Each structure stands twice: as structure tokens, then as C-alpha cells.
Amino acid sequence: MDLHHLRIFATVYSCGSFTGASNKLSISQPTISEHIKNLERELGFPLFDRLGRSIRPTAEAEILFPRALKIIDDIESLKNDLHQEGSPLAGELVIGASTIPGAYIIPKLAAAFKDANPRVRFTVLIHDSGQICRMVKNHELVIGIVGAEITNENLEYSPLFRDEMILVAPGNGEYPDRITIREMLDLPFICREEDSGTRKSVASILAGHGIGLEQINAVATLGSSSAVKEAVKAGLGCSILSRRAAEDDITSGAIKAVTVEGVDLVRDFHLVTHRKRTMPRLYQEFIRHMRDAEDNRHK
């Protein structure tokens, strides 16, 4: 079975169209179609039903896709293993991350890794935790870094980064420095969206104190930590954010940190991977780099 055919098949399957695969691979659409036809002839069954301008994977394609990815990953891993130990790392790392790790953690780690490995390129895709987990499950990403675990038998999670969360309020002096968790319920509160890892962490923390998320005085729901932070700065209300996202504005006085007495606002960001995918050497080395950096941070 031609490896090139398998790569093109996997790309068409992931993109959901010949046009998307053509754009991603920089190969003409007729060439993409011809490769798929050749693979279908070799296998003896169709892989996609052509429905006008759209396509739908056949039952055989659903079976082939994860196995094709494993073959591709195994070949890449074999190529890497055949290089001498210590040979330069090269290639593209595509990392999916929720907002906080994607915006405030990964860029610094990527810069340090690239300094040591100049032939490596990075692409960081930022979505909410639920979307990143779905992309790993669907083999659109090799790894993701998320603040909330989405239960699925094919996904594997391991703690990667420790994150301190803080209650933040407008920096105009109207809010106390310390409050109880019950007093927090009376504050105008800005929430994150449904699939956000931050929202799930806040819900878990409140549940540990016998409080449901529906009991807070929600005044807005926003789709990113940056949007929440800007709304707090504008005086719309308070919220719980990662200290990593808030520290510059706390230092400038635009917002203030409020201590919630007796509440441990700490969470983990997790590495999410697919149980059936082989981890390429480049990803293995970057994961090791991230873990070493986090270990050094806590020394």
C-alpha cells in the first residue's frame, strides 16, 4: 500500500473535503482525487461517497483512518529512530491548547525549544478545552494541552502544568482585599463559555464548597480570558482568572486580586493524547522540554 496515498487519504478524511486537502497539501484537487481513486482501486472498495460537492467517508474509510494514521506515525517514528542519537530535531510541531496555556505558557516554551532546535517550526491552535480534546480524538492533533478533561475511552490525560487561579476585580478601590466564598456570590460575576476549562474548574471549586455555578450572580458570559479581563478592567464585574493571564494588569493596577478565604484556587493543565497514536520523536522531545521547564519552575 502506497504511503503517499495513505497520507493524502488521511488528509482528505481530516479536512472533510478534497478542496480542503488540496489547500492543506498544496496539491491540485484533480491530483488529490486521482490518488484517492488509485487507493480505492488497490483496496477494492470506495472510501468516500461523493454527494454533489460534498463527500462522506464510507464505513471502510472509518476503519482505515485510525490505522492509516498509525502506519504513518510508525513510519515517521522509524525514520527518527534511524537517525543517530543527538541528530538535530527538525519539522513542524502542531500543538492544540486552551486559552491560558496557548497564550501564556506555550509561546515561551516554544521560543526556548526553538533556540536549541532552530530547524523546528511551531503552530499553536487555540480553542476551548472541549474542542482541543475533540481534535485529538479525531486525529486532527497529536497532542493538546487543556484545563478540563473530556471523558473518552480513546483519550489519555496526564498532568503537565500547575496553574494558580485568582479572583480579580476592577482596580478602582471599590472591592475589598479579602472576602468569603459566600460573599463572592453577591458580586457581579463574569463567566467563561460552557466548554471552557476555566469554567469547569470554577464549577468544581464551588461544588467542593456546596455551591452550584447557578448560584453566582452572573452578569455576562465571554469566550476568552482576554475578553473577561477587559470586561473586569472596564468595571463590568469580577471573575476568576489564571494568575498567568492577570499578573501584568495586577501590577499596573488596572485590576486587583481579591483573596477568597479558605478556598484553594489551584488547577492542573493536562496533556491529552490519543491512546492509539504513536508519539513522534519531535513531540516526545517537546513534551520532555515542557515537563523539565515545569519541574524547574517549582524548584
C-alpha atoms as a PDB file:
ATOM      1  CA  MET A   1       0.000   0.000   0.000  1.00  0.00           C
ATOM      2  CA  ASP A   2       1.464   3.345  -1.100  1.00  0.00           C
ATOM      3  CA  LEU A   3       2.347   5.544   1.893  1.00  0.00           C
ATOM      4  CA  HIS A   4       1.743   8.691  -0.165  1.00  0.00           C
ATOM      5  CA  HIS A   5      -1.788   7.501  -0.956  1.00  0.00           C
ATOM      6  CA  LEU A   6      -2.392   6.917   2.760  1.00  0.00           C
ATOM      7  CA  ARG A   7      -1.164  10.410   3.675  1.00  0.00           C
ATOM      8  CA  ILE A   8      -3.498  12.001   1.139  1.00  0.00           C
ATOM      9  CA  PHE A   9      -6.406   9.800   2.269  1.00  0.00           C
ATOM     10  CA  ALA A  10      -5.836  10.790   5.920  1.00  0.00           C
ATOM     11  CA  THR A  11      -5.733  14.469   4.964  1.00  0.00           C
ATOM     12  CA  VAL A  12      -8.945  14.255   2.918  1.00  0.00           C
ATOM     13  CA  TYR A  13     -10.650  12.418   5.780  1.00  0.00           C
ATOM     14  CA  SER A  14      -9.485  15.006   8.346  1.00  0.00           C
ATOM     15  CA  CYS A  15     -10.401  18.004   6.185  1.00  0.00           C
ATOM     16  CA  GLY A  16     -13.734  16.548   5.118  1.00  0.00           C
ATOM     17  CA  SER A  17     -13.231  17.564   1.504  1.00  0.00           C
ATOM     18  CA  PHE A  18     -10.910  17.253  -1.488  1.00  0.00           C
ATOM     19  CA  THR A  19     -10.686  21.051  -1.649  1.00  0.00           C
ATOM     20  CA  GLY A  20      -9.553  21.312   1.971  1.00  0.00           C
ATOM     21  CA  ALA A  21      -6.934  18.606   1.442  1.00  0.00           C
ATOM     22  CA  SER A  22      -5.772  20.330  -1.747  1.00  0.00           C
ATOM     23  CA  ASN A  23      -5.259  23.611   0.127  1.00  0.00           C
ATOM     24  CA  LYS A  24      -3.541  21.948   3.068  1.00  0.00           C
ATOM     25  CA  LEU A  25      -1.150  19.851   0.968  1.00  0.00           C
ATOM     26  CA  SER A  26      -0.661  22.395  -1.853  1.00  0.00           C
ATOM     27  CA  ILE A  27      -1.603  19.700  -4.382  1.00  0.00           C
ATOM     28  CA  SER A  28      -4.190  20.248  -7.107  1.00  0.00           C
ATOM     29  CA  GLN A  29      -7.652  18.868  -6.483  1.00  0.00           C
ATOM     30  CA  PRO A  30      -7.582  16.582  -9.573  1.00  0.00           C
ATOM     31  CA  THR A  31      -4.310  15.076  -8.294  1.00  0.00           C
ATOM     32  CA  ILE A  32      -5.877  14.523  -4.849  1.00  0.00           C
ATOM     33  CA  SER A  33      -8.867  12.822  -6.485  1.00  0.00           C
ATOM     34  CA  GLU A  34      -6.603  10.615  -8.610  1.00  0.00           C
ATOM     35  CA  HIS A  35      -4.625   9.444  -5.554  1.00  0.00           C
ATOM     36  CA  ILE A  36      -7.855   8.533  -3.764  1.00  0.00           C
ATOM     37  CA  LYS A  37      -9.146   6.647  -6.814  1.00  0.00           C
ATOM     38  CA  ASN A  38      -5.867   4.725  -7.027  1.00  0.00           C
ATOM     39  CA  LEU A  39      -6.096   3.770  -3.364  1.00  0.00           C
ATOM     40  CA  GLU A  40      -9.727   2.727  -3.785  1.00  0.00           C
ATOM     41  CA  ARG A  41      -8.767   0.531  -6.765  1.00  0.00           C
ATOM     42  CA  GLU A  42      -5.955  -1.031  -4.769  1.00  0.00           C
ATOM     43  CA  LEU A  43      -8.233  -1.769  -1.806  1.00  0.00           C
ATOM     44  CA  GLY A  44     -11.223  -2.822  -3.894  1.00  0.00           C
ATOM     45  CA  PHE A  45     -13.847  -0.599  -2.240  1.00  0.00           C
ATOM     46  CA  PRO A  46     -14.828   3.086  -2.171  1.00  0.00           C
ATOM     47  CA  LEU A  47     -13.548   5.291   0.628  1.00  0.00           C
ATOM     48  CA  PHE A  48     -15.789   8.307   0.114  1.00  0.00           C
ATOM     49  CA  ASP A  49     -19.329   8.716  -1.123  1.00  0.00           C
ATOM     50  CA  ARG A  50     -19.452  11.699  -3.489  1.00  0.00           C
ATOM     51  CA  LEU A  51     -22.581  13.704  -2.644  1.00  0.00           C
ATOM     52  CA  GLY A  52     -22.604  16.588  -5.108  1.00  0.00           C
ATOM     53  CA  ARG A  53     -19.951  18.998  -3.835  1.00  0.00           C
ATOM     54  CA  SER A  54     -19.535  17.211  -0.517  1.00  0.00           C
ATOM     55  CA  ILE A  55     -18.112  13.839   0.467  1.00  0.00           C
ATOM     56  CA  ARG A  56     -18.849  11.388   3.233  1.00  0.00           C
ATOM     57  CA  PRO A  57     -16.462   8.663   4.472  1.00  0.00           C
ATOM     58  CA  THR A  58     -17.664   5.114   3.915  1.00  0.00           C
ATOM     59  CA  ALA A  59     -17.702   2.514   6.694  1.00  0.00           C
ATOM     60  CA  GLU A  60     -14.418   1.159   5.281  1.00  0.00           C
ATOM     61  CA  ALA A  61     -12.837   4.622   5.496  1.00  0.00           C
ATOM     62  CA  GLU A  62     -13.853   4.853   9.161  1.00  0.00           C
ATOM     63  CA  ILE A  63     -11.933   1.619   9.798  1.00  0.00           C
ATOM     64  CA  LEU A  64      -8.955   2.610   7.652  1.00  0.00           C
ATOM     65  CA  PHE A  65      -8.410   6.125   9.022  1.00  0.00           C
ATOM     66  CA  PRO A  66      -7.023   5.350  12.522  1.00  0.00           C
ATOM     67  CA  ARG A  67      -4.932   2.501  11.146  1.00  0.00           C
ATOM     68  CA  ALA A  68      -3.584   4.692   8.352  1.00  0.00           C
ATOM     69  CA  LEU A  69      -2.557   7.278  10.940  1.00  0.00           C
ATOM     70  CA  LYS A  70      -0.792   4.603  12.964  1.00  0.00           C
ATOM     71  CA  ILE A  71       1.100   3.403   9.876  1.00  0.00           C
ATOM     72  CA  ILE A  72       2.122   6.987   9.039  1.00  0.00           C
ATOM     73  CA  ASP A  73       3.153   7.679  12.644  1.00  0.00           C
ATOM     74  CA  ASP A  74       5.096   4.400  12.852  1.00  0.00           C
ATOM     75  CA  ILE A  75       6.996   5.198   9.633  1.00  0.00           C
ATOM     76  CA  GLU A  76       7.851   8.693  10.917  1.00  0.00           C
ATOM     77  CA  SER A  77       8.945   7.237  14.239  1.00  0.00           C
ATOM     78  CA  LEU A  78      11.099   4.646  12.447  1.00  0.00           C
ATOM     79  CA  LYS A  79      12.767   7.381  10.372  1.00  0.00           C
ATOM     80  CA  ASN A  80      13.511   9.321  13.535  1.00  0.00           C
ATOM     81  CA  ASP A  81      14.887   6.246  15.326  1.00  0.00           C
ATOM     82  CA  LEU A  82      17.201   5.513  12.395  1.00  0.00           C
ATOM     83  CA  HIS A  83      18.861   8.894  12.840  1.00  0.00           C
ATOM     84  CA  GLN A  84      21.850   8.847  15.122  1.00  0.00           C
ATOM     85  CA  GLU A  85      21.213   9.836  18.718  1.00  0.00           C
ATOM     86  CA  GLY A  86      21.736  13.558  19.113  1.00  0.00           C
ATOM     87  CA  SER A  87      20.952  14.382  15.481  1.00  0.00           C
ATOM     88  CA  PRO A  88      19.222  17.761  15.022  1.00  0.00           C
ATOM     89  CA  LEU A  89      15.480  17.832  15.502  1.00  0.00           C
ATOM     90  CA  ALA A  90      13.526  19.188  12.546  1.00  0.00           C
ATOM     91  CA  GLY A  91       9.944  19.510  11.401  1.00  0.00           C
ATOM     92  CA  GLU A  92       6.686  21.106  12.480  1.00  0.00           C
ATOM     93  CA  LEU A  93       5.089  20.798  15.897  1.00  0.00           C
ATOM     94  CA  VAL A  94       1.330  21.399  15.780  1.00  0.00           C
ATOM     95  CA  ILE A  95       0.019  21.888  19.297  1.00  0.00           C
ATOM     96  CA  GLY A  96      -3.566  22.399  20.357  1.00  0.00           C
ATOM     97  CA  ALA A  97      -4.115  24.334  23.573  1.00  0.00           C
ATOM     98  CA  SER A  98      -6.829  26.001  25.570  1.00  0.00           C
ATOM     99  CA  THR A  99      -6.533  29.745  26.107  1.00  0.00           C
ATOM    100  CA  ILE A 100      -4.190  30.006  29.097  1.00  0.00           C
ATOM    101  CA  PRO A 101      -1.513  27.509  28.021  1.00  0.00           C
ATOM    102  CA  GLY A 102      -1.852  28.575  24.383  1.00  0.00           C
ATOM    103  CA  ALA A 103      -1.439  32.285  25.067  1.00  0.00           C
ATOM    104  CA  TYR A 104       0.694  32.448  28.224  1.00  0.00           C
ATOM    105  CA  ILE A 105       2.728  29.217  28.589  1.00  0.00           C
ATOM    106  CA  ILE A 106       3.468  27.559  25.236  1.00  0.00           C
ATOM    107  CA  PRO A 107       4.946  30.622  23.441  1.00  0.00           C
ATOM    108  CA  LYS A 108       7.795  30.986  25.974  1.00  0.00           C
ATOM    109  CA  LEU A 109       8.500  27.264  25.975  1.00  0.00           C
ATOM    110  CA  ALA A 110       8.390  27.156  22.169  1.00  0.00           C
ATOM    111  CA  ALA A 111      10.895  30.019  21.937  1.00  0.00           C
ATOM    112  CA  ALA A 112      13.347  28.261  24.251  1.00  0.00           C
ATOM    113  CA  PHE A 113      12.926  24.941  22.398  1.00  0.00           C
ATOM    114  CA  LYS A 114      13.472  26.595  19.025  1.00  0.00           C
ATOM    115  CA  ASP A 115      16.626  28.323  20.284  1.00  0.00           C
ATOM    116  CA  ALA A 116      18.060  24.862  20.895  1.00  0.00           C
ATOM    117  CA  ASN A 117      16.487  23.348  17.761  1.00  0.00           C
ATOM    118  CA  PRO A 118      16.391  26.018  15.025  1.00  0.00           C
ATOM    119  CA  ARG A 119      15.018  23.635  12.367  1.00  0.00           C
ATOM    120  CA  VAL A 120      11.767  23.148  14.311  1.00  0.00           C
ATOM    121  CA  ARG A 121       8.624  25.116  13.379  1.00  0.00           C
ATOM    122  CA  PHE A 122       5.601  25.677  15.615  1.00  0.00           C
ATOM    123  CA  THR A 123       1.886  26.011  15.005  1.00  0.00           C
ATOM    124  CA  VAL A 124      -0.263  26.611  18.098  1.00  0.00           C
ATOM    125  CA  LEU A 125      -4.034  26.244  17.680  1.00  0.00           C
ATOM    126  CA  ILE A 126      -6.042  27.857  20.498  1.00  0.00           C
ATOM    127  CA  HIS A 127      -9.593  26.664  21.206  1.00  0.00           C
ATOM    128  CA  ASP A 128     -11.572  25.820  24.318  1.00  0.00           C
ATOM    129  CA  SER A 129     -10.693  22.578  26.100  1.00  0.00           C
ATOM    130  CA  GLY A 130     -13.627  20.654  24.652  1.00  0.00           C
ATOM    131  CA  GLN A 131     -12.664  21.484  21.068  1.00  0.00           C
ATOM    132  CA  ILE A 132      -8.998  20.579  21.607  1.00  0.00           C
ATOM    133  CA  CYS A 133      -9.969  17.216  23.104  1.00  0.00           C
ATOM    134  CA  ARG A 134     -12.284  16.515  20.171  1.00  0.00           C
ATOM    135  CA  MET A 135      -9.495  17.365  17.717  1.00  0.00           C
ATOM    136  CA  VAL A 136      -7.136  14.903  19.446  1.00  0.00           C
ATOM    137  CA  LYS A 137      -9.897  12.260  19.489  1.00  0.00           C
ATOM    138  CA  ASN A 138     -10.489  12.789  15.761  1.00  0.00           C
ATOM    139  CA  HIS A 139      -6.738  12.606  14.997  1.00  0.00           C
ATOM    140  CA  GLU A 140      -6.590  16.251  13.886  1.00  0.00           C
ATOM    141  CA  LEU A 141      -3.936  16.881  16.567  1.00  0.00           C
ATOM    142  CA  VAL A 142      -1.216  14.667  18.018  1.00  0.00           C
ATOM    143  CA  ILE A 143      -1.233  16.452  21.391  1.00  0.00           C
ATOM    144  CA  GLY A 144      -3.327  19.012  23.219  1.00  0.00           C
ATOM    145  CA  ILE A 145      -2.944  20.929  26.474  1.00  0.00           C
ATOM    146  CA  VAL A 146      -6.226  21.543  28.275  1.00  0.00           C
ATOM    147  CA  GLY A 147      -7.691  22.669  31.580  1.00  0.00           C
ATOM    148  CA  ALA A 148     -10.592  20.219  31.581  1.00  0.00           C
ATOM    149  CA  GLU A 149     -10.790  16.509  30.806  1.00  0.00           C
ATOM    150  CA  ILE A 150     -13.441  15.318  28.349  1.00  0.00           C
ATOM    151  CA  THR A 151     -14.237  11.683  29.049  1.00  0.00           C
ATOM    152  CA  ASN A 152     -13.490   9.386  26.124  1.00  0.00           C
ATOM    153  CA  GLU A 153     -12.030   5.883  26.117  1.00  0.00           C
ATOM    154  CA  ASN A 154      -9.541   6.805  23.368  1.00  0.00           C
ATOM    155  CA  LEU A 155      -8.074   9.814  25.172  1.00  0.00           C
ATOM    156  CA  GLU A 156      -5.327   9.756  27.772  1.00  0.00           C
ATOM    157  CA  TYR A 157      -4.570  12.631  30.166  1.00  0.00           C
ATOM    158  CA  SER A 158      -1.552  13.390  32.319  1.00  0.00           C
ATOM    159  CA  PRO A 159      -0.869  16.485  34.491  1.00  0.00           C
ATOM    160  CA  LEU A 160       1.545  18.919  32.843  1.00  0.00           C
ATOM    161  CA  PHE A 161       1.315  22.426  34.342  1.00  0.00           C
ATOM    162  CA  ARG A 162       0.107  23.672  37.730  1.00  0.00           C
ATOM    163  CA  ASP A 163      -1.954  26.860  37.499  1.00  0.00           C
ATOM    164  CA  GLU A 164      -2.940  29.267  40.277  1.00  0.00           C
ATOM    165  CA  MET A 165      -6.318  30.894  39.764  1.00  0.00           C
ATOM    166  CA  ILE A 166      -7.332  34.153  41.427  1.00  0.00           C
ATOM    167  CA  LEU A 167     -10.461  36.218  41.906  1.00  0.00           C
ATOM    168  CA  VAL A 168      -9.942  39.522  40.089  1.00  0.00           C
ATOM    169  CA  ALA A 169     -11.910  42.750  40.424  1.00  0.00           C
ATOM    170  CA  PRO A 170     -11.726  46.219  38.866  1.00  0.00           C
ATOM    171  CA  GLY A 171      -8.780  48.191  40.198  1.00  0.00           C
ATOM    172  CA  ASN A 172     -10.882  51.203  41.271  1.00  0.00           C
ATOM    173  CA  GLY A 173     -10.684  50.503  45.009  1.00  0.00           C
ATOM    174  CA  GLU A 174     -14.363  49.609  45.452  1.00  0.00           C
ATOM    175  CA  TYR A 175     -13.699  45.950  46.249  1.00  0.00           C
ATOM    176  CA  PRO A 176     -12.239  44.525  49.499  1.00  0.00           C
ATOM    177  CA  ASP A 177      -8.908  42.734  49.622  1.00  0.00           C
ATOM    178  CA  ARG A 178     -10.414  39.626  51.236  1.00  0.00           C
ATOM    179  CA  ILE A 179     -13.862  38.040  51.077  1.00  0.00           C
ATOM    180  CA  THR A 180     -15.530  34.731  51.939  1.00  0.00           C
ATOM    181  CA  ILE A 181     -16.790  32.407  49.253  1.00  0.00           C
ATOM    182  CA  ARG A 182     -20.364  33.206  50.281  1.00  0.00           C
ATOM    183  CA  GLU A 183     -19.683  36.928  49.877  1.00  0.00           C
ATOM    184  CA  MET A 184     -18.328  36.193  46.410  1.00  0.00           C
ATOM    185  CA  LEU A 185     -21.803  35.012  45.382  1.00  0.00           C
ATOM    186  CA  ASP A 186     -23.116  38.574  45.760  1.00  0.00           C
ATOM    187  CA  LEU A 187     -20.532  40.071  43.402  1.00  0.00           C
ATOM    188  CA  PRO A 188     -21.364  40.692  39.722  1.00  0.00           C
ATOM    189  CA  PHE A 189     -19.565  37.772  38.090  1.00  0.00           C
ATOM    190  CA  ILE A 190     -18.278  37.304  34.534  1.00  0.00           C
ATOM    191  CA  CYS A 191     -18.297  33.669  33.362  1.00  0.00           C
ATOM    192  CA  ARG A 192     -16.455  31.792  30.643  1.00  0.00           C
ATOM    193  CA  GLU A 193     -18.295  29.793  27.978  1.00  0.00           C
ATOM    194  CA  GLU A 194     -19.708  26.296  28.522  1.00  0.00           C
ATOM    195  CA  ASP A 195     -16.778  24.232  27.192  1.00  0.00           C
ATOM    196  CA  SER A 196     -14.089  26.351  28.864  1.00  0.00           C
ATOM    197  CA  GLY A 197     -11.627  24.605  31.176  1.00  0.00           C
ATOM    198  CA  THR A 198     -11.661  27.677  33.438  1.00  0.00           C
ATOM    199  CA  ARG A 199     -15.443  27.473  33.777  1.00  0.00           C
ATOM    200  CA  LYS A 200     -15.272  23.768  34.619  1.00  0.00           C
ATOM    201  CA  SER A 201     -12.537  24.440  37.206  1.00  0.00           C
ATOM    202  CA  VAL A 202     -14.586  27.212  38.834  1.00  0.00           C
ATOM    203  CA  ALA A 203     -17.633  24.925  38.922  1.00  0.00           C
ATOM    204  CA  SER A 204     -15.546  22.171  40.548  1.00  0.00           C
ATOM    205  CA  ILE A 205     -14.131  24.553  43.179  1.00  0.00           C
ATOM    206  CA  LEU A 206     -17.599  25.880  44.044  1.00  0.00           C
ATOM    207  CA  ALA A 207     -19.019  22.337  44.186  1.00  0.00           C
ATOM    208  CA  GLY A 208     -16.360  21.485  46.774  1.00  0.00           C
ATOM    209  CA  HIS A 209     -17.955  24.146  48.997  1.00  0.00           C
ATOM    210  CA  GLY A 210     -21.513  23.012  48.352  1.00  0.00           C
ATOM    211  CA  ILE A 211     -22.242  25.789  45.844  1.00  0.00           C
ATOM    212  CA  GLY A 212     -23.630  25.385  42.340  1.00  0.00           C
ATOM    213  CA  LEU A 213     -22.468  27.554  39.462  1.00  0.00           C
ATOM    214  CA  GLU A 214     -26.046  28.715  39.002  1.00  0.00           C
ATOM    215  CA  GLN A 215     -25.881  30.438  42.414  1.00  0.00           C
ATOM    216  CA  ILE A 216     -23.378  33.071  41.329  1.00  0.00           C
ATOM    217  CA  ASN A 217     -24.568  36.497  40.202  1.00  0.00           C
ATOM    218  CA  ALA A 218     -23.641  36.079  36.524  1.00  0.00           C
ATOM    219  CA  VAL A 219     -23.737  39.331  34.543  1.00  0.00           C
ATOM    220  CA  ALA A 220     -22.011  38.118  31.362  1.00  0.00           C
ATOM    221  CA  THR A 221     -20.559  35.064  29.616  1.00  0.00           C
ATOM    222  CA  LEU A 222     -17.486  35.694  27.461  1.00  0.00           C
ATOM    223  CA  GLY A 223     -15.454  33.468  25.156  1.00  0.00           C
ATOM    224  CA  SER A 224     -11.853  34.109  26.213  1.00  0.00           C
ATOM    225  CA  SER A 225      -9.707  35.060  29.190  1.00  0.00           C
ATOM    226  CA  SER A 226      -8.659  38.238  27.382  1.00  0.00           C
ATOM    227  CA  ALA A 227     -12.284  39.278  26.932  1.00  0.00           C
ATOM    228  CA  VAL A 228     -13.038  38.537  30.590  1.00  0.00           C
ATOM    229  CA  LYS A 229     -10.013  40.544  31.706  1.00  0.00           C
ATOM    230  CA  GLU A 230     -11.013  43.552  29.583  1.00  0.00           C
ATOM    231  CA  ALA A 231     -14.552  43.386  30.975  1.00  0.00           C
ATOM    232  CA  VAL A 232     -13.197  43.368  34.543  1.00  0.00           C
ATOM    233  CA  LYS A 233     -10.959  46.338  33.743  1.00  0.00           C
ATOM    234  CA  ALA A 234     -13.997  48.173  32.341  1.00  0.00           C
ATOM    235  CA  GLY A 235     -15.881  47.631  35.615  1.00  0.00           C
ATOM    236  CA  LEU A 236     -18.457  45.089  34.401  1.00  0.00           C
ATOM    237  CA  GLY A 237     -17.776  42.736  37.312  1.00  0.00           C
ATOM    238  CA  CYS A 238     -15.389  40.232  38.855  1.00  0.00           C
ATOM    239  CA  SER A 239     -14.151  36.877  37.635  1.00  0.00           C
ATOM    240  CA  ILE A 240     -11.724  34.046  38.332  1.00  0.00           C
ATOM    241  CA  LEU A 241      -8.716  34.011  36.027  1.00  0.00           C
ATOM    242  CA  SER A 242      -5.327  32.375  35.803  1.00  0.00           C
ATOM    243  CA  ARG A 243      -2.686  34.451  37.571  1.00  0.00           C
ATOM    244  CA  ARG A 244      -0.543  33.999  34.455  1.00  0.00           C
ATOM    245  CA  ALA A 245      -3.170  35.887  32.420  1.00  0.00           C
ATOM    246  CA  ALA A 246      -3.806  38.588  35.017  1.00  0.00           C
ATOM    247  CA  GLU A 247      -0.407  39.391  36.549  1.00  0.00           C
ATOM    248  CA  ASP A 248       0.594  42.262  34.209  1.00  0.00           C
ATOM    249  CA  ASP A 249      -2.697  44.092  34.787  1.00  0.00           C
ATOM    250  CA  ILE A 250      -2.490  43.468  38.535  1.00  0.00           C
ATOM    251  CA  THR A 251       0.986  45.017  38.539  1.00  0.00           C
ATOM    252  CA  SER A 252      -0.276  48.056  36.622  1.00  0.00           C
ATOM    253  CA  GLY A 253      -3.266  48.472  38.948  1.00  0.00           C
ATOM    254  CA  ALA A 254      -5.848  48.016  36.164  1.00  0.00           C
ATOM    255  CA  ILE A 255      -7.317  45.097  38.119  1.00  0.00           C
ATOM    256  CA  LYS A 256      -6.791  43.788  41.643  1.00  0.00           C
ATOM    257  CA  ALA A 257      -6.509  40.325  43.135  1.00  0.00           C
ATOM    258  CA  VAL A 258      -9.031  39.527  45.864  1.00  0.00           C
ATOM    259  CA  THR A 259      -8.284  36.717  48.319  1.00  0.00           C
ATOM    260  CA  VAL A 260     -11.143  34.253  48.801  1.00  0.00           C
ATOM    261  CA  GLU A 261     -10.690  32.955  52.339  1.00  0.00           C
ATOM    262  CA  GLY A 262     -10.351  29.216  52.763  1.00  0.00           C
ATOM    263  CA  VAL A 263     -10.515  28.445  49.052  1.00  0.00           C
ATOM    264  CA  ASP A 264      -7.675  26.712  47.181  1.00  0.00           C
ATOM    265  CA  LEU A 265      -7.848  28.136  43.647  1.00  0.00           C
ATOM    266  CA  VAL A 266      -5.389  25.749  42.003  1.00  0.00           C
ATOM    267  CA  ARG A 267      -5.830  23.505  38.962  1.00  0.00           C
ATOM    268  CA  ASP A 268      -3.756  21.406  36.589  1.00  0.00           C
ATOM    269  CA  PHE A 269      -3.420  21.722  32.849  1.00  0.00           C
ATOM    270  CA  HIS A 270      -3.267  18.278  31.275  1.00  0.00           C
ATOM    271  CA  LEU A 271      -1.513  16.828  28.267  1.00  0.00           C
ATOM    272  CA  VAL A 272      -4.113  14.973  26.189  1.00  0.00           C
ATOM    273  CA  THR A 273      -3.085  12.315  23.666  1.00  0.00           C
ATOM    274  CA  HIS A 274      -4.802   9.559  21.701  1.00  0.00           C
ATOM    275  CA  ARG A 275      -4.159   6.084  23.085  1.00  0.00           C
ATOM    276  CA  LYS A 276      -3.814   4.546  19.609  1.00  0.00           C
ATOM    277  CA  ARG A 277      -1.352   7.033  18.106  1.00  0.00           C
ATOM    278  CA  THR A 278       2.401   6.618  18.086  1.00  0.00           C
ATOM    279  CA  MET A 279       4.139   9.668  19.525  1.00  0.00           C
ATOM    280  CA  PRO A 280       6.710  11.011  17.008  1.00  0.00           C
ATOM    281  CA  ARG A 281      10.171  11.758  18.360  1.00  0.00           C
ATOM    282  CA  LEU A 282       9.787  15.520  17.840  1.00  0.00           C
ATOM    283  CA  TYR A 283       6.692  15.574  20.042  1.00  0.00           C
ATOM    284  CA  GLN A 284       8.352  13.337  22.636  1.00  0.00           C
ATOM    285  CA  GLU A 285      11.245  15.787  22.934  1.00  0.00           C
ATOM    286  CA  PHE A 286       8.983  18.827  23.271  1.00  0.00           C
ATOM    287  CA  ILE A 287       6.880  17.103  25.929  1.00  0.00           C
ATOM    288  CA  ARG A 288      10.096  16.361  27.828  1.00  0.00           C
ATOM    289  CA  HIS A 289      11.098  20.021  27.438  1.00  0.00           C
ATOM    290  CA  MET A 290       7.734  21.179  28.860  1.00  0.00           C
ATOM    291  CA  ARG A 291       7.933  18.816  31.841  1.00  0.00           C
ATOM    292  CA  ASP A 292      11.525  19.836  32.621  1.00  0.00           C
ATOM    293  CA  ALA A 293      10.575  23.526  32.474  1.00  0.00           C
ATOM    294  CA  GLU A 294       7.651  22.983  34.860  1.00  0.00           C
ATOM    295  CA  ASP A 295       9.833  20.966  37.269  1.00  0.00           C
ATOM    296  CA  ASN A 296      12.444  23.758  37.287  1.00  0.00           C
ATOM    297  CA  ARG A 297       9.733  26.356  37.883  1.00  0.00           C
ATOM    298  CA  HIS A 298       8.738  24.666  41.148  1.00  0.00           C
ATOM    299  CA  LYS A 299      12.269  24.100  42.463  1.00  0.00           C
END
